[in-house]
N, C-alpha and C. Protein backbone atom coordinates (compact mmCIF):
# COMPACT_ATOMS: atom_id res chain seq x y z
N UNK A 1 -3.06 -2.46 20.31
CA UNK A 1 -3.31 -1.89 19.10
C UNK A 1 -4.32 -1.63 18.51
N UNK A 2 -4.45 -0.33 17.84
CA UNK A 2 -5.85 -0.33 16.95
C UNK A 2 -5.50 -0.12 15.66
N UNK A 3 -6.70 -0.91 15.21
CA UNK A 3 -6.68 -0.56 13.43
C UNK A 3 -8.05 0.40 13.25
N UNK A 4 -8.18 1.38 13.37
CA UNK A 4 -9.19 2.12 13.33
C UNK A 4 -10.14 2.46 12.12
N UNK A 5 -9.18 1.90 11.15
CA UNK A 5 -10.19 1.56 9.57
C UNK A 5 -11.36 0.93 9.70
N UNK A 6 -10.81 -0.25 10.53
CA UNK A 6 -11.90 -1.79 10.45
C UNK A 6 -12.61 -1.53 11.72
N UNK A 7 -12.23 -0.25 12.96
CA UNK A 7 -13.18 -0.46 14.01
C UNK A 7 -12.68 -1.62 14.85
N UNK A 8 -11.07 -2.10 14.80
CA UNK A 8 -10.81 -3.46 15.61
C UNK A 8 -9.58 -2.51 16.58
N UNK A 9 -9.66 -3.40 17.53
CA UNK A 9 -8.76 -3.13 18.41
C UNK A 9 -8.14 -4.68 19.21
N UNK A 10 -6.76 -4.72 19.20
CA UNK A 10 -6.26 -6.12 19.44
C UNK A 10 -5.74 -6.05 20.61
N UNK A 11 -5.87 -6.90 21.41
CA UNK A 11 -4.76 -6.88 22.70
C UNK A 11 -3.90 -8.26 22.80
N UNK A 12 -2.94 -7.87 23.15
CA UNK A 12 -1.79 -8.88 23.16
C UNK A 12 -0.87 -8.86 24.57
N UNK A 13 -0.05 -9.79 24.63
CA UNK A 13 0.77 -10.51 25.64
C UNK A 13 2.37 -9.87 25.26
N UNK A 14 2.99 -9.68 26.28
CA UNK A 14 4.34 -9.12 25.84
C UNK A 14 4.94 -10.09 25.03
N UNK A 15 4.91 -11.64 25.48
CA UNK A 15 5.77 -12.68 24.48
C UNK A 15 5.02 -12.63 23.39
N UNK A 16 3.72 -12.23 22.64
CA UNK A 16 2.77 -12.57 21.68
C UNK A 16 3.67 -11.77 20.47
N UNK A 17 3.69 -12.67 19.46
CA UNK A 17 4.30 -11.93 18.19
C UNK A 17 3.41 -10.77 17.68
N UNK A 18 3.93 -9.52 17.80
CA UNK A 18 3.26 -8.45 16.53
C UNK A 18 3.99 -8.18 15.74
N UNK A 19 3.33 -6.95 14.80
CA UNK A 19 4.28 -6.49 13.95
C UNK A 19 4.95 -5.32 14.91
N UNK A 20 5.82 -5.05 14.84
CA UNK A 20 6.75 -3.87 16.02
C UNK A 20 6.35 -2.46 15.55
N UNK A 21 6.12 -2.08 14.12
CA UNK A 21 5.98 -0.92 14.01
C UNK A 21 4.05 -0.68 13.57
N UNK A 22 3.55 -0.60 14.87
CA UNK A 22 2.05 -0.17 14.72
C UNK A 22 1.26 0.70 13.52
N UNK A 23 2.37 1.74 13.29
CA UNK A 23 1.90 2.68 11.97
C UNK A 23 1.73 1.93 10.75
N UNK A 24 2.87 1.12 10.24
CA UNK A 24 2.89 0.94 9.31
C UNK A 24 2.28 -0.46 9.11
N UNK A 25 1.78 -1.31 10.31
CA UNK A 25 0.80 -2.19 10.51
C UNK A 25 -0.44 -1.92 9.93
N UNK A 26 -0.94 -0.91 10.32
CA UNK A 26 -2.28 -0.21 10.07
C UNK A 26 -2.35 -0.06 8.35
N UNK A 27 -1.25 0.36 8.05
CA UNK A 27 -1.33 0.36 6.44
C UNK A 27 -1.17 -0.90 5.81
N UNK A 28 -0.09 -1.21 6.20
CA UNK A 28 -0.32 -2.87 5.50
C UNK A 28 -1.72 -3.67 5.69
N UNK A 29 -2.04 -3.63 6.99
CA UNK A 29 -3.46 -4.59 7.04
C UNK A 29 -4.55 -3.84 5.88
N UNK A 30 -4.82 -2.33 5.76
CA UNK A 30 -5.24 -1.98 5.06
C UNK A 30 -4.98 -2.24 3.34
N UNK A 31 -3.71 -2.46 3.16
CA UNK A 31 -3.36 -2.30 1.88
C UNK A 31 -3.80 -3.96 1.23
N UNK A 32 -3.52 -4.82 2.10
CA UNK A 32 -3.97 -6.27 1.86
C UNK A 32 -5.13 -6.59 2.02
N UNK A 33 -5.95 -5.77 2.82
CA UNK A 33 -7.78 -5.97 2.52
C UNK A 33 -8.02 -5.22 1.14
N UNK A 34 -7.35 -4.43 0.86
CA UNK A 34 -7.62 -3.62 -0.21
C UNK A 34 -7.69 -4.80 -1.84
N UNK A 35 -6.29 -5.57 -1.35
CA UNK A 35 -5.94 -6.12 -2.46
C UNK A 35 -6.65 -7.18 -2.63
N UNK A 36 -7.10 -8.08 -1.45
CA UNK A 36 -7.92 -9.04 -1.25
C UNK A 36 -9.28 -8.80 -1.97
N UNK A 37 -9.73 -7.67 -1.80
CA UNK A 37 -11.29 -7.48 -2.17
C UNK A 37 -11.83 -8.35 -1.64
N UNK A 38 -12.55 -8.55 -0.53
CA UNK A 38 -13.26 -9.28 0.35
C UNK A 38 -14.79 -8.63 -0.02
N UNK A 39 -15.71 -9.97 -0.31
CA UNK A 39 -16.95 -9.52 -0.86
C UNK A 39 -18.04 -9.97 0.39
N UNK A 40 -18.98 -9.17 0.31
CA UNK A 40 -19.75 -9.60 1.48
C UNK A 40 -20.46 -10.86 1.61
N UNK A 41 -20.20 -11.62 0.45
CA UNK A 41 -20.83 -12.93 0.55
C UNK A 41 -19.67 -14.26 0.38
N UNK A 42 -18.43 -13.94 0.79
CA UNK A 42 -17.30 -14.67 0.53
C UNK A 42 -17.00 -15.44 1.78
N UNK A 43 -16.44 -16.21 1.56
CA UNK A 43 -15.51 -16.88 2.63
C UNK A 43 -13.83 -16.78 2.46
N UNK A 44 -13.37 -16.62 3.81
CA UNK A 44 -11.55 -16.16 3.51
C UNK A 44 -11.20 -17.28 4.69
N UNK A 45 -10.01 -17.69 3.97
CA UNK A 45 -8.98 -18.16 4.89
C UNK A 45 -8.09 -17.44 5.41
N UNK A 46 -7.62 -17.50 6.38
CA UNK A 46 -6.54 -16.89 6.89
C UNK A 46 -5.29 -17.65 7.82
N UNK A 47 -4.45 -18.09 6.95
CA UNK A 47 -3.52 -18.71 7.41
C UNK A 47 -2.33 -18.25 7.95
N UNK A 48 -1.95 -19.06 9.22
CA UNK A 48 -0.60 -18.03 9.83
C UNK A 48 -1.08 -16.89 10.77
N UNK A 49 -2.27 -17.09 11.09
CA UNK A 49 -3.41 -15.81 11.75
C UNK A 49 -3.17 -14.92 12.92
N UNK A 50 -1.81 -15.46 13.63
CA UNK A 50 -1.78 -14.81 15.10
C UNK A 50 -2.67 -14.57 15.77
N UNK A 51 -3.12 -13.22 16.08
CA UNK A 51 -3.82 -12.58 17.03
C UNK A 51 -5.29 -12.20 16.44
N UNK A 52 -5.16 -12.78 15.24
CA UNK A 52 -6.36 -11.88 14.38
C UNK A 52 -5.75 -10.23 13.51
N UNK A 53 -4.57 -10.40 13.46
CA UNK A 53 -4.47 -8.93 12.59
C UNK A 53 -5.07 -8.69 11.55
N UNK A 54 -5.28 -9.59 10.35
CA UNK A 54 -5.61 -9.52 9.23
C UNK A 54 -7.42 -10.24 9.44
N UNK A 55 -7.44 -11.12 10.08
CA UNK A 55 -8.57 -12.13 10.15
C UNK A 55 -9.79 -11.22 10.56
N UNK A 56 -9.55 -10.24 11.66
CA UNK A 56 -10.44 -9.53 12.16
C UNK A 56 -11.15 -8.25 11.24
N UNK A 57 -10.13 -7.75 10.63
CA UNK A 57 -10.50 -6.52 9.55
C UNK A 57 -11.12 -6.94 8.36
N UNK A 58 -10.36 -8.45 7.58
CA UNK A 58 -11.00 -9.10 6.88
C UNK A 58 -12.78 -9.49 7.03
N UNK A 59 -12.98 -9.94 8.26
CA UNK A 59 -14.12 -10.13 8.82
C UNK A 59 -15.66 -9.13 8.84
N UNK A 60 -14.54 -8.13 8.94
CA UNK A 60 -15.43 -6.23 8.75
C UNK A 60 -16.17 -6.69 7.53
N UNK A 61 -15.68 -7.26 6.40
CA UNK A 61 -15.75 -7.02 5.06
C UNK A 61 -16.42 -8.50 4.41
N UNK A 62 -16.36 -9.51 4.78
CA UNK A 62 -16.70 -10.80 4.26
C UNK A 62 -17.68 -11.28 5.31
N UNK A 63 -18.04 -12.52 4.50
CA UNK A 63 -19.16 -13.17 5.16
C UNK A 63 -18.56 -14.00 6.11
N UNK A 64 -17.69 -14.32 6.35
CA UNK A 64 -17.04 -15.33 7.20
C UNK A 64 -15.47 -15.22 7.02
N UNK A 65 -14.63 -15.44 8.02
CA UNK A 65 -13.50 -15.69 8.08
C UNK A 65 -12.80 -16.75 8.86
N UNK A 66 -11.96 -17.77 8.39
CA UNK A 66 -11.46 -18.75 9.39
C UNK A 66 -9.96 -18.58 9.52
N UNK A 67 -9.53 -18.35 10.66
CA UNK A 67 -7.95 -17.77 11.13
C UNK A 67 -7.42 -19.38 11.43
N UNK A 68 -6.35 -19.55 10.84
CA UNK A 68 -5.37 -21.01 11.50
C UNK A 68 -4.20 -20.66 11.86
N UNK A 69 -3.75 -20.97 12.96
CA UNK A 69 -2.43 -20.55 13.64
C UNK A 69 -2.08 -21.78 13.79
N UNK A 70 -0.65 -21.94 14.48
CA UNK A 70 0.10 -23.22 15.15
C UNK A 70 0.40 -22.93 16.65
N UNK A 71 0.18 -21.78 17.33
CA UNK A 71 0.39 -21.35 18.61
C UNK A 71 -0.94 -21.34 19.52
N UNK A 72 -1.22 -22.15 20.35
CA UNK A 72 -2.46 -22.23 20.63
C UNK A 72 -3.18 -20.71 21.63
N UNK A 73 -2.05 -20.26 22.23
CA UNK A 73 -2.02 -18.82 23.07
C UNK A 73 -2.56 -18.13 21.77
N UNK A 74 -2.12 -17.83 20.92
CA UNK A 74 -2.27 -16.67 19.69
C UNK A 74 -3.86 -17.17 19.49
N UNK A 75 -4.05 -18.09 19.36
CA UNK A 75 -5.39 -18.36 19.11
C UNK A 75 -6.50 -18.14 19.88
N UNK A 76 -6.09 -18.36 21.26
CA UNK A 76 -7.04 -18.23 22.23
C UNK A 76 -7.22 -16.56 22.18
N UNK A 77 -6.25 -15.95 21.95
CA UNK A 77 -6.51 -14.37 22.23
C UNK A 77 -6.85 -13.97 20.95
N UNK A 78 -6.73 -14.51 19.36
CA UNK A 78 -7.70 -14.05 18.44
C UNK A 78 -9.15 -14.09 18.68
N UNK A 79 -9.53 -15.11 19.36
CA UNK A 79 -10.95 -15.41 19.46
C UNK A 79 -11.27 -14.30 20.71
N UNK A 80 -10.79 -14.37 21.84
CA UNK A 80 -11.17 -13.02 22.54
C UNK A 80 -11.22 -11.61 21.87
N UNK A 81 -9.89 -11.54 21.03
CA UNK A 81 -9.76 -10.37 20.08
C UNK A 81 -11.56 -10.28 19.23
N UNK A 82 -11.89 -11.12 18.89
CA UNK A 82 -13.00 -11.10 18.06
C UNK A 82 -14.16 -11.03 18.67
N UNK A 83 -14.49 -11.50 20.29
CA UNK A 83 -15.39 -11.39 21.00
C UNK A 83 -15.63 -10.30 21.44
N UNK A 84 -14.61 -9.68 22.02
CA UNK A 84 -14.21 -8.25 22.18
C UNK A 84 -14.57 -6.93 21.13
N UNK A 85 -14.32 -7.30 20.31
CA UNK A 85 -14.64 -6.42 19.04
C UNK A 85 -16.00 -6.68 18.47
N UNK A 86 -17.02 -7.22 18.91
CA UNK A 86 -18.04 -7.79 18.65
C UNK A 86 -18.31 -8.51 17.06
N UNK A 87 -17.01 -9.32 16.60
CA UNK A 87 -17.05 -9.94 15.57
C UNK A 87 -17.49 -11.16 15.68
N UNK A 88 -18.60 -11.96 14.91
CA UNK A 88 -19.16 -13.05 15.32
C UNK A 88 -18.92 -14.26 14.03
N UNK A 89 -18.36 -13.44 12.84
CA UNK A 89 -18.20 -14.08 11.57
C UNK A 89 -16.61 -14.58 11.36
N UNK A 90 -15.90 -14.89 12.91
CA UNK A 90 -14.52 -15.14 12.41
C UNK A 90 -14.48 -16.84 13.23
N UNK A 91 -13.87 -17.64 12.79
CA UNK A 91 -13.28 -18.35 13.44
C UNK A 91 -12.11 -19.03 13.60
N UNK A 92 -11.59 -19.37 14.82
CA UNK A 92 -9.93 -19.62 14.64
C UNK A 92 -9.67 -21.38 15.26
N UNK A 93 -8.69 -22.01 14.63
CA UNK A 93 -8.48 -23.33 14.62
C UNK A 93 -6.82 -23.18 15.19
N UNK A 94 -6.29 -23.77 15.89
CA UNK A 94 -5.04 -24.37 16.17
C UNK A 94 -4.59 -25.85 15.30
N UNK A 95 -3.41 -25.14 14.20
CA UNK A 95 -3.07 -26.41 13.80
C UNK A 95 -1.68 -25.92 13.48
N UNK A 96 -0.85 -27.22 13.62
CA UNK A 96 0.86 -27.12 13.10
C UNK A 96 0.55 -27.10 11.43
N UNK A 97 1.01 -25.76 10.60
CA UNK A 97 0.89 -25.67 9.28
C UNK A 97 1.70 -26.39 8.58
N UNK A 98 2.89 -26.81 9.41
CA UNK A 98 4.10 -27.55 8.83
C UNK A 98 3.81 -28.66 8.88
N UNK A 99 2.70 -29.38 9.27
CA UNK A 99 2.62 -30.79 9.72
C UNK A 99 1.42 -31.64 9.22
N UNK A 100 1.23 -32.63 9.71
CA UNK A 100 -0.03 -33.29 8.92
C UNK A 100 -1.53 -32.82 9.22
N UNK A 101 -2.14 -32.41 8.30
CA UNK A 101 -3.32 -31.43 8.48
C UNK A 101 -4.62 -32.44 8.24
N UNK A 102 -4.54 -33.58 7.91
CA UNK A 102 -5.79 -34.16 7.41
C UNK A 102 -6.71 -34.41 8.12
N UNK A 103 -6.78 -33.99 9.29
CA UNK A 103 -7.80 -34.33 10.55
C UNK A 103 -8.50 -33.14 10.97
N UNK A 104 -8.21 -31.67 9.98
CA UNK A 104 -8.40 -30.53 9.97
C UNK A 104 -9.48 -30.37 9.75
N UNK A 105 -10.62 -29.84 10.65
CA UNK A 105 -12.15 -29.77 10.25
C UNK A 105 -12.38 -28.66 8.91
N UNK A 106 -11.67 -27.48 9.22
CA UNK A 106 -11.56 -26.44 8.46
C UNK A 106 -10.97 -26.98 6.66
N UNK A 107 -10.44 -27.97 6.54
CA UNK A 107 -10.11 -28.65 5.36
C UNK A 107 -11.04 -29.29 4.70
N UNK A 108 -12.26 -29.21 5.04
CA UNK A 108 -13.44 -29.80 4.56
C UNK A 108 -14.49 -28.84 4.06
N UNK A 109 -14.17 -27.61 4.52
CA UNK A 109 -14.68 -26.15 3.75
C UNK A 109 -14.51 -25.86 2.42
N UNK A 110 -14.76 -24.81 2.01
CA UNK A 110 -14.49 -24.26 0.42
C UNK A 110 -14.19 -22.54 0.86
N UNK A 111 -13.02 -22.11 0.31
CA UNK A 111 -13.02 -20.80 0.68
C UNK A 111 -12.59 -19.79 -0.91
N UNK A 112 -13.59 -18.29 -0.71
CA UNK A 112 -13.02 -17.94 -2.28
C UNK A 112 -11.78 -17.52 -2.32
N UNK A 113 -11.13 -16.52 -1.28
CA UNK A 113 -10.00 -16.29 -1.37
C UNK A 113 -9.44 -16.45 0.17
N UNK A 114 -7.81 -16.17 0.13
CA UNK A 114 -6.91 -16.50 1.38
C UNK A 114 -5.93 -15.53 1.32
N UNK A 115 -5.34 -15.41 2.71
CA UNK A 115 -4.34 -14.30 2.84
C UNK A 115 -3.47 -15.40 3.89
N UNK A 116 -2.20 -15.59 3.64
CA UNK A 116 -1.24 -15.97 4.07
C UNK A 116 -0.13 -15.01 4.39
N UNK A 117 0.27 -14.78 6.04
CA UNK A 117 1.11 -14.32 6.48
C UNK A 117 2.01 -15.03 7.32
N UNK A 118 2.98 -15.95 6.78
CA UNK A 118 3.74 -16.89 7.46
C UNK A 118 4.98 -16.44 8.36
N UNK A 119 5.55 -17.19 9.13
CA UNK A 119 6.98 -16.69 9.59
C UNK A 119 8.26 -16.99 8.36
N UNK A 120 9.26 -16.78 8.70
CA UNK A 120 10.64 -16.47 7.33
C UNK A 120 10.36 -17.59 6.53
N UNK A 121 10.15 -18.73 7.32
CA UNK A 121 10.54 -20.11 6.77
C UNK A 121 9.35 -19.61 5.66
N UNK A 122 8.30 -19.33 5.41
CA UNK A 122 7.26 -19.37 4.25
C UNK A 122 6.57 -20.24 4.64
N UNK A 123 5.57 -20.76 3.37
CA UNK A 123 4.45 -21.28 3.73
C UNK A 123 4.08 -22.56 2.83
N UNK A 124 5.23 -23.39 2.31
CA UNK A 124 5.44 -23.97 1.20
C UNK A 124 4.69 -25.27 1.54
N UNK A 125 4.66 -25.92 2.96
CA UNK A 125 3.90 -26.81 3.05
C UNK A 125 2.22 -26.76 2.88
N UNK A 126 1.84 -25.69 3.18
CA UNK A 126 0.29 -25.35 2.76
C UNK A 126 -0.20 -25.10 1.54
N UNK A 127 1.01 -24.77 0.55
CA UNK A 127 0.25 -24.07 -0.88
C UNK A 127 -0.59 -24.73 -1.56
N UNK A 128 -0.26 -26.12 -1.76
CA UNK A 128 -1.03 -27.34 -2.42
C UNK A 128 -2.49 -27.69 -2.01
N UNK A 129 -2.96 -26.87 -0.58
CA UNK A 129 -4.49 -26.89 -0.29
C UNK A 129 -5.09 -25.84 -0.76
N UNK A 130 -4.60 -24.59 -1.24
CA UNK A 130 -5.41 -23.97 -1.51
C UNK A 130 -6.22 -23.79 -2.89
N UNK A 131 -5.62 -24.45 -3.84
CA UNK A 131 -6.46 -24.66 -4.99
C UNK A 131 -7.54 -25.82 -4.67
N UNK A 132 -7.24 -26.65 -3.70
CA UNK A 132 -8.19 -27.62 -3.45
C UNK A 132 -9.44 -26.94 -2.58
N UNK A 133 -8.82 -26.00 -1.86
CA UNK A 133 -9.94 -25.64 -1.20
C UNK A 133 -10.94 -24.50 -1.96
N UNK A 134 -10.68 -24.47 -3.02
CA UNK A 134 -11.58 -23.70 -3.91
C UNK A 134 -10.97 -22.02 -3.91
N UNK A 135 -9.86 -21.67 -3.40
CA UNK A 135 -9.21 -20.54 -3.28
C UNK A 135 -9.19 -19.85 -4.58
N UNK A 136 -9.22 -18.66 -5.18
CA UNK A 136 -9.04 -18.50 -6.27
C UNK A 136 -8.45 -17.07 -6.29
N UNK A 137 -8.51 -16.38 -5.40
CA UNK A 137 -7.45 -15.10 -5.08
C UNK A 137 -6.42 -15.28 -3.53
N UNK A 138 -5.75 -14.94 -3.97
CA UNK A 138 -4.72 -14.77 -2.45
C UNK A 138 -3.88 -13.79 -2.50
N UNK A 139 -3.63 -13.31 -1.10
CA UNK A 139 -2.88 -12.29 -0.66
C UNK A 139 -1.51 -12.97 0.08
N UNK A 140 -0.54 -12.86 -0.03
CA UNK A 140 0.47 -13.14 0.48
C UNK A 140 1.54 -12.42 1.08
N UNK A 141 1.33 -12.35 2.57
CA UNK A 141 2.77 -11.33 3.12
C UNK A 141 3.61 -11.79 3.86
N UNK A 142 4.57 -11.31 3.39
CA UNK A 142 5.71 -12.03 4.05
C UNK A 142 7.14 -11.06 4.61
N UNK A 143 7.85 -11.22 5.73
CA UNK A 143 8.86 -10.48 6.00
C UNK A 143 9.96 -11.31 5.64
N UNK A 144 10.12 -12.06 4.58
CA UNK A 144 11.32 -12.54 3.71
C UNK A 144 11.29 -12.34 2.32
N UNK A 145 11.41 -11.51 1.72
CA UNK A 145 11.25 -11.82 0.37
C UNK A 145 11.71 -13.00 -0.29
N UNK A 146 12.54 -13.55 0.03
CA UNK A 146 13.14 -15.18 -0.28
C UNK A 146 12.20 -15.95 -0.50
N UNK A 147 11.45 -16.13 0.66
CA UNK A 147 10.32 -17.32 0.58
C UNK A 147 9.39 -16.83 -0.12
N UNK A 148 8.96 -15.74 0.07
CA UNK A 148 7.78 -15.27 -0.80
C UNK A 148 7.63 -15.67 -2.29
N UNK A 149 9.13 -15.09 -2.60
CA UNK A 149 9.69 -15.28 -4.01
C UNK A 149 9.55 -17.11 -4.48
N UNK A 150 10.06 -18.05 -3.45
CA UNK A 150 10.29 -19.39 -4.00
C UNK A 150 8.69 -20.03 -3.76
N UNK A 151 7.64 -19.42 -2.73
CA UNK A 151 6.41 -19.86 -2.75
C UNK A 151 5.52 -19.35 -4.10
N UNK A 152 5.44 -18.05 -4.28
CA UNK A 152 5.11 -17.28 -5.16
C UNK A 152 5.21 -18.26 -6.75
N UNK A 153 6.82 -18.41 -6.94
CA UNK A 153 6.87 -19.57 -7.99
C UNK A 153 6.42 -20.40 -8.16
N UNK A 154 6.24 -21.51 -6.76
CA UNK A 154 5.50 -22.61 -6.67
C UNK A 154 4.02 -22.58 -6.80
N UNK A 155 3.49 -21.54 -6.70
CA UNK A 155 2.15 -21.39 -6.87
C UNK A 155 1.79 -21.22 -8.15
N UNK A 156 2.87 -20.53 -8.95
CA UNK A 156 2.47 -20.16 -10.56
C UNK A 156 2.65 -21.58 -11.24
N UNK A 157 3.87 -21.94 -10.95
CA UNK A 157 4.53 -23.35 -11.42
C UNK A 157 3.67 -24.65 -11.10
N UNK A 158 3.21 -24.92 -9.99
CA UNK A 158 2.49 -26.15 -9.91
C UNK A 158 0.89 -25.95 -9.50
N UNK A 159 0.33 -24.60 -9.05
CA UNK A 159 -0.90 -24.51 -8.75
C UNK A 159 -2.14 -24.05 -9.29
N UNK A 160 -1.07 -23.52 -10.16
CA UNK A 160 -2.44 -22.56 -11.38
C UNK A 160 -2.54 -21.35 -11.23
N UNK A 161 -2.06 -20.84 -10.26
CA UNK A 161 -2.07 -18.93 -9.80
C UNK A 161 -1.22 -18.40 -10.90
N UNK A 162 -1.69 -16.99 -10.77
CA UNK A 162 -0.77 -16.29 -11.65
C UNK A 162 -0.44 -14.85 -10.81
N UNK A 163 0.64 -14.37 -10.96
CA UNK A 163 1.08 -13.27 -9.92
C UNK A 163 0.51 -11.68 -10.60
N UNK A 164 -0.23 -11.09 -9.88
CA UNK A 164 -1.12 -10.15 -10.54
C UNK A 164 -0.12 -8.54 -9.68
N UNK A 165 0.76 -9.14 -8.84
CA UNK A 165 1.14 -7.68 -8.27
C UNK A 165 1.98 -8.05 -7.02
N UNK A 166 3.28 -7.10 -6.80
CA UNK A 166 3.84 -7.23 -5.62
C UNK A 166 4.08 -6.03 -5.59
N UNK A 167 4.69 -5.75 -3.87
CA UNK A 167 5.24 -4.32 -3.53
C UNK A 167 5.83 -4.83 -2.00
N UNK A 168 6.57 -3.74 -1.62
CA UNK A 168 7.21 -4.01 -0.11
C UNK A 168 7.05 -2.67 0.55
N UNK A 169 7.03 -3.11 1.95
CA UNK A 169 6.31 -2.22 2.53
C UNK A 169 7.59 -1.78 3.67
N UNK A 170 8.14 -0.76 4.33
CA UNK A 170 9.34 -0.70 4.90
C UNK A 170 8.93 -0.77 6.33
N UNK A 171 8.44 -1.66 6.80
CA UNK A 171 8.38 -2.09 8.30
C UNK A 171 9.32 -1.62 9.29
N UNK A 172 10.26 -1.88 8.79
CA UNK A 172 12.00 -2.01 9.58
C UNK A 172 12.63 -0.64 9.11
N UNK A 173 12.22 0.50 9.05
CA UNK A 173 12.97 1.62 8.78
C UNK A 173 14.74 1.72 9.26
N UNK A 174 15.40 1.94 8.31
CA UNK A 174 17.15 2.40 8.56
C UNK A 174 17.53 0.41 8.76
N UNK A 175 16.64 -0.61 8.33
CA UNK A 175 17.20 -1.70 8.39
C UNK A 175 17.30 -2.39 6.74
N UNK A 176 17.92 -3.38 6.56
CA UNK A 176 17.71 -3.89 5.20
C UNK A 176 16.36 -5.17 4.99
N UNK A 177 15.61 -5.29 5.99
CA UNK A 177 14.19 -6.02 6.25
C UNK A 177 13.46 -5.39 5.66
N UNK A 178 12.09 -5.78 5.13
CA UNK A 178 11.04 -5.39 4.43
C UNK A 178 10.05 -6.20 4.69
N UNK A 179 8.78 -5.87 4.64
CA UNK A 179 7.49 -6.49 4.29
C UNK A 179 7.21 -6.44 3.39
N UNK A 180 6.87 -7.84 2.73
CA UNK A 180 6.67 -7.87 0.92
C UNK A 180 5.21 -8.39 0.95
N UNK A 181 4.43 -8.09 -0.03
CA UNK A 181 2.87 -8.20 -0.48
C UNK A 181 3.04 -8.70 -1.76
N UNK A 182 2.40 -9.85 -2.26
CA UNK A 182 2.13 -10.18 -3.46
C UNK A 182 0.59 -10.82 -3.41
N UNK A 183 0.29 -10.72 -4.54
CA UNK A 183 -1.38 -10.67 -4.79
C UNK A 183 -1.33 -11.82 -5.87
N UNK A 184 -1.81 -13.16 -5.82
CA UNK A 184 -2.01 -14.18 -6.73
C UNK A 184 -3.35 -14.71 -7.17
N UNK A 185 -4.08 -14.86 -8.59
CA UNK A 185 -5.33 -15.36 -8.61
C UNK A 185 -5.13 -16.68 -9.43
N UNK A 186 -6.04 -17.34 -9.48
CA UNK A 186 -6.05 -18.79 -10.28
C UNK A 186 -6.20 -18.27 -11.65
N UNK A 187 -5.58 -18.81 -12.44
CA UNK A 187 -6.03 -18.92 -13.90
C UNK A 187 -6.92 -18.98 -14.80
């Protein structure tokens, strides 16, 4: 599928996770990049990066983007997608973001901003890493508003962020399911 605004095409396999509504996904990626406001000298962390749906567009606007994903096959395809699109400032790591992360090399780096796009269970286990890594601004994309609300409360109450804005996109027309997006900044 293509993200023409960023000059990115992503290849995937039948069993890979992708957003099923490619047109709304294109709009969602553009909106998430707009909200994150990547700057040319910034380093960005993309947790739960999958095939690079957000990573590669962000890499077109930032100095470097590091994508982390739990499924090794998706990480291989994200790397291949970066190479296929001529993007050399995106690095990818395989890591279980719900497990012990102490040995991960990317945890010794600093990031200006982050994008999180976790599964329905949310990202509670990695939220405490964000301030430690220097993340000042983050965009959280969620397919389940309940876990987004829980995680946003955790970020605000325990980790020093403030909610700047939130909204929803109708990724799944004629259903009760939506993609929600929140923007948070360090106080």
